[in-house]
């Protein structure tokens, strides 16, 4: 008996979100609890991570991003992959 193929309905429609999608470049600390020589210590550099997601909130102290969400039947949202970054370490925020 031949296998039946399942059809998946894929749509390009994205739910309307009341949040802008952004790319955030920022500076993060780097730490190491091991022993190192002065030459190894001199090579130590800060980290420059990049986060992409939707901007939930921005105030004078920090920004809050989320990278995943679930829209409930009542129209409310549940957020996942949340990140809060102090504004003092943010180098660039770009809408995408």
C-alpha atoms as a PDB file:
ATOM      1  CA  UNK A   1       0.000   0.000   0.000  1.00  0.00           C
ATOM      2  CA  UNK A   2       1.527   3.375  -0.989  1.00  0.00           C
ATOM      3  CA  UNK A   3       2.245   5.915   1.745  1.00  0.00           C
ATOM      4  CA  UNK A   4      -0.004   8.920   1.883  1.00  0.00           C
ATOM      5  CA  UNK A   5       1.783  12.241   1.808  1.00  0.00           C
ATOM      6  CA  UNK A   6       0.739  14.859   4.263  1.00  0.00           C
ATOM      7  CA  UNK A   7       0.200  18.326   2.948  1.00  0.00           C
ATOM      8  CA  UNK A   8       1.278  21.251   5.056  1.00  0.00           C
ATOM      9  CA  UNK A   9      -0.337  24.585   4.526  1.00  0.00           C
ATOM     10  CA  UNK A  10       2.487  27.117   4.598  1.00  0.00           C
ATOM     11  CA  UNK A  11       1.546  30.755   4.397  1.00  0.00           C
ATOM     12  CA  UNK A  12       3.682  33.832   4.079  1.00  0.00           C
ATOM     13  CA  UNK A  13       1.307  35.828   6.244  1.00  0.00           C
ATOM     14  CA  UNK A  14       2.977  37.096   9.393  1.00  0.00           C
ATOM     15  CA  UNK A  15       0.725  38.178  12.245  1.00  0.00           C
ATOM     16  CA  UNK A  16       0.755  41.901  12.771  1.00  0.00           C
ATOM     17  CA  UNK A  17       2.971  42.707  15.734  1.00  0.00           C
ATOM     18  CA  UNK A  18       2.859  46.077  17.469  1.00  0.00           C
ATOM     19  CA  UNK A  19       6.639  45.870  17.979  1.00  0.00           C
ATOM     20  CA  UNK A  20       9.425  46.881  15.554  1.00  0.00           C
ATOM     21  CA  UNK A  21      11.978  44.253  14.539  1.00  0.00           C
ATOM     22  CA  UNK A  22      15.517  45.419  15.359  1.00  0.00           C
ATOM     23  CA  UNK A  23      19.187  44.452  15.298  1.00  0.00           C
ATOM     24  CA  UNK A  24      21.128  45.518  18.396  1.00  0.00           C
ATOM     25  CA  UNK A  25      24.924  45.684  18.550  1.00  0.00           C
ATOM     26  CA  UNK A  26      26.335  45.955  22.073  1.00  0.00           C
ATOM     27  CA  UNK A  27      29.412  45.371  24.226  1.00  0.00           C
ATOM     28  CA  UNK A  28      29.573  42.569  26.790  1.00  0.00           C
ATOM     29  CA  UNK A  29      32.065  41.713  29.496  1.00  0.00           C
ATOM     30  CA  UNK A  30      34.532  38.867  29.226  1.00  0.00           C
ATOM     31  CA  UNK A  31      35.769  37.008  32.265  1.00  0.00           C
ATOM     32  CA  UNK A  32      38.065  34.080  32.897  1.00  0.00           C
ATOM     33  CA  UNK A  33      38.715  32.400  36.227  1.00  0.00           C
ATOM     34  CA  UNK A  34      41.879  30.628  35.085  1.00  0.00           C
ATOM     35  CA  UNK A  35      45.519  31.647  35.518  1.00  0.00           C
ATOM     36  CA  UNK A  36      47.162  33.654  32.738  1.00  0.00           C
ATOM     37  CA  UNK A  37      50.428  35.382  31.984  1.00  0.00           C
ATOM     38  CA  UNK A  38      50.629  39.120  31.364  1.00  0.00           C
ATOM     39  CA  UNK A  39      50.828  38.460  27.594  1.00  0.00           C
ATOM     40  CA  UNK A  40      47.683  36.338  27.691  1.00  0.00           C
ATOM     41  CA  UNK A  41      45.979  38.979  29.836  1.00  0.00           C
ATOM     42  CA  UNK A  42      46.903  41.701  27.322  1.00  0.00           C
ATOM     43  CA  UNK A  43      45.196  39.695  24.553  1.00  0.00           C
ATOM     44  CA  UNK A  44      41.896  39.682  26.467  1.00  0.00           C
ATOM     45  CA  UNK A  45      39.223  41.663  24.585  1.00  0.00           C
ATOM     46  CA  UNK A  46      35.604  42.597  25.166  1.00  0.00           C
ATOM     47  CA  UNK A  47      32.837  40.702  23.394  1.00  0.00           C
ATOM     48  CA  UNK A  48      30.683  42.401  20.727  1.00  0.00           C
ATOM     49  CA  UNK A  49      27.416  40.400  20.514  1.00  0.00           C
ATOM     50  CA  UNK A  50      24.533  41.100  18.142  1.00  0.00           C
ATOM     51  CA  UNK A  51      20.892  40.390  19.009  1.00  0.00           C
ATOM     52  CA  UNK A  52      17.982  40.440  16.566  1.00  0.00           C
ATOM     53  CA  UNK A  53      14.372  40.399  17.621  1.00  0.00           C
ATOM     54  CA  UNK A  54      11.404  42.578  18.355  1.00  0.00           C
ATOM     55  CA  UNK A  55      11.824  45.640  20.550  1.00  0.00           C
ATOM     56  CA  UNK A  56       9.417  45.287  23.457  1.00  0.00           C
ATOM     57  CA  UNK A  57      10.456  48.380  25.379  1.00  0.00           C
ATOM     58  CA  UNK A  58      13.175  51.004  25.566  1.00  0.00           C
ATOM     59  CA  UNK A  59      13.638  53.484  28.390  1.00  0.00           C
ATOM     60  CA  UNK A  60      16.574  55.614  29.545  1.00  0.00           C
ATOM     61  CA  UNK A  61      18.229  52.642  31.288  1.00  0.00           C
ATOM     62  CA  UNK A  62      17.688  49.514  29.183  1.00  0.00           C
ATOM     63  CA  UNK A  63      16.087  47.884  26.169  1.00  0.00           C
ATOM     64  CA  UNK A  64      13.990  44.725  26.232  1.00  0.00           C
ATOM     65  CA  UNK A  65      13.901  42.381  23.233  1.00  0.00           C
ATOM     66  CA  UNK A  66      12.157  39.109  22.472  1.00  0.00           C
ATOM     67  CA  UNK A  67      12.943  36.634  19.714  1.00  0.00           C
ATOM     68  CA  UNK A  68       9.861  34.415  19.858  1.00  0.00           C
ATOM     69  CA  UNK A  69       6.209  34.869  20.717  1.00  0.00           C
ATOM     70  CA  UNK A  70       2.855  33.163  20.817  1.00  0.00           C
ATOM     71  CA  UNK A  71      -0.305  35.048  19.944  1.00  0.00           C
ATOM     72  CA  UNK A  72      -3.230  33.848  22.030  1.00  0.00           C
ATOM     73  CA  UNK A  73      -6.800  33.559  20.809  1.00  0.00           C
ATOM     74  CA  UNK A  74      -7.792  36.678  22.737  1.00  0.00           C
ATOM     75  CA  UNK A  75      -5.135  38.714  20.867  1.00  0.00           C
ATOM     76  CA  UNK A  76      -2.649  38.909  23.737  1.00  0.00           C
ATOM     77  CA  UNK A  77       0.972  37.793  23.390  1.00  0.00           C
ATOM     78  CA  UNK A  78       3.265  35.502  25.349  1.00  0.00           C
ATOM     79  CA  UNK A  79       6.989  36.240  24.905  1.00  0.00           C
ATOM     80  CA  UNK A  80       9.999  33.935  24.759  1.00  0.00           C
ATOM     81  CA  UNK A  81      13.758  34.276  24.306  1.00  0.00           C
ATOM     82  CA  UNK A  82      13.720  37.551  26.242  1.00  0.00           C
ATOM     83  CA  UNK A  83      16.798  39.738  26.631  1.00  0.00           C
ATOM     84  CA  UNK A  84      17.325  42.913  28.637  1.00  0.00           C
ATOM     85  CA  UNK A  85      20.415  44.980  27.759  1.00  0.00           C
ATOM     86  CA  UNK A  86      21.615  48.073  29.657  1.00  0.00           C
ATOM     87  CA  UNK A  87      21.461  51.054  27.320  1.00  0.00           C
ATOM     88  CA  UNK A  88      24.942  52.156  28.439  1.00  0.00           C
ATOM     89  CA  UNK A  89      26.518  49.212  26.538  1.00  0.00           C
ATOM     90  CA  UNK A  90      24.392  49.477  23.368  1.00  0.00           C
ATOM     91  CA  UNK A  91      26.383  50.726  20.381  1.00  0.00           C
ATOM     92  CA  UNK A  92      23.758  50.604  17.635  1.00  0.00           C
ATOM     93  CA  UNK A  93      20.047  49.865  17.195  1.00  0.00           C
ATOM     94  CA  UNK A  94      18.894  49.326  13.628  1.00  0.00           C
ATOM     95  CA  UNK A  95      15.347  48.597  12.396  1.00  0.00           C
ATOM     96  CA  UNK A  96      15.129  45.565  10.124  1.00  0.00           C
END
